[in-house]
Amino acid sequence: MESKRQPTDRRKLSPLKIAKYAGFVVGAIVLVCVLALLLFSDTLVNKYVKPRITQAFAEAYPEYSLHIAGMHYSLFTNRFGFDSVALGAVDRSFSSHIAPFSVSGISWMHLLWGGSLSANDFANSVVDARDIRLNLGQSQYEIRCGQASVSMPHSEIVVEALKLHPAGNDEQFFAVSKFRKNRLRLSVPRATITGLASLEELQGKMYRARSIQIHDASLDILLNQDKPDSRDTTGLLMPHEILASIEGTLQVDSLRVIDGRFQYAERFELGSKPAIVTFDRLQASAKGITNQGSSGASFAIHTQAQFVKAGTLKLVMTIPVATRECSFKYSGSLSGMELSALNSFLEISDHMRIKAGVLEEAAFEVDVVSGRANGTVTGIYRDLKLAAINKKTGSEKGLMDRITSFIGNTFTIRRNNVPGSMKIGKVQRVRLRDDPFFQYEWFALRTGVQEVVGISTK
């Protein structure tokens, strides 16, 4: 007998159709997620991502506090943005604020599955920060920066409108310490660093750059000589100390300072006018800067500037790489100039005014070994004439001032220093505890100049 199957409306789905429908479902879920990220990304990251960031930071660094305002995310550009970021130490020794701040190009998808960030995740990242403010607390300094950008793909850092200065005025800065100290004011309109070894720097293994260029920078140093020497040398780092303090390998192929300005000043009374020397149109270059090398390895810095707006100063400084002592060499020359251009410093520091005198040329060579400077200063000049001036009024017409000027010009100073009867000055100075780098160079060189002229050293 023939059996008959009952008809049915249920059709058996093929594996291909099952995969097809499953793909539709997954695609729909992905589409919903993408739409959610596109339409509600800011809400999602502020509700879920931002709290995780701040919590993870607090657990990892309990001595610091992190505050994030207005977090944003763009799926198309893979870019996180922040209206502002504030980072500070709990003990208030340090605080910073950035507004706005953005970072893009970070590989972060694996974080959703419990992964962690590594240096390779930043290989294509770009960071842009504006209106950066750092308060350095006990140092009394603050740093401001208009814009800083870091591009890992281009191996480049660009900094604009960078400034370092005390948080208050000069009197507030000096009043904190009972000892003399140097006040710094640094301004860098633009600086670029190219050829970075980006991943190695993130790992802290090497700090390498092909080129550093600093444009139109100015540095102003003021020393308050009205207070005694300090017994504490904290923070007064010399070149060898700076190189030794860097963990990892430092290597800069080329450094250039273009059209810079440097001013050094000494103040001798509270609120008084300081003695000033200036270095304008400053050009500097160095190659092969590093903190690694053999015992005889060194690098040289070449500098040229207009000295006190009158003469051209050329200087070459050689700094050893591996030394643990205060040792370096510097030599150079100064072109012809009217010596009265030095009055901006001498009238305040030595109560002396140059009335006449012309420098034809000068040269110097100084070798510093273990904090002891020795060298020579030579100079050809003619018709030097000095006048003693009143410390308070600046007048040279007082009786004692006239007597001092007469004795000095007649019996003490060397009015002419020319070939055939040339005096060569000896540079001799031991570094004091609180002598910073430039100040030590300047004071050492002055001992040789004073011996040439015939003025007793202080």
Foldseek 3Di string as FASTA:
>chain_A
DDDDDDDDPDDDDDPVVVVVVVVVVVVVVVVVVVVCCVVPVQVVCVVPVVVVVQVVCCVVCVQKHKDFARWGADPVFQKIKTQKIKMAGPVRQKIKMWGIKMKGQFPCPCVVVVDDDALVRCQQMKIKTAFIWMDRHPQQKIKTFGIWMQGNVQQKIKTAFIKMFGPDDPVVNQVVDQAKDKGKIKTFGMKMFGDFPRSCVVVLAETETAEIETEAMEMEIEIEQQHHHDPDQPPQDDPLRVLVVRRHKYWYAKYKYFFYKYKYWYHRDVPDDTQIKIWTRKIKMWGTDIQDDDQADWIKMWMWTQILVWWIKTKIKIDTRDDPAPWIKMKIKIAKGWPQSNCSHCCQPPQKGWPGKIWHMKIWIWTADRQKIKIKIWTFMAQTAMWHADNPPSHRPDPVRVVVRCCCVPPFWDRGAHPPRHDMFIFTDGDDSHQHDVNSVVLRVVNRVCVRGRHDDD
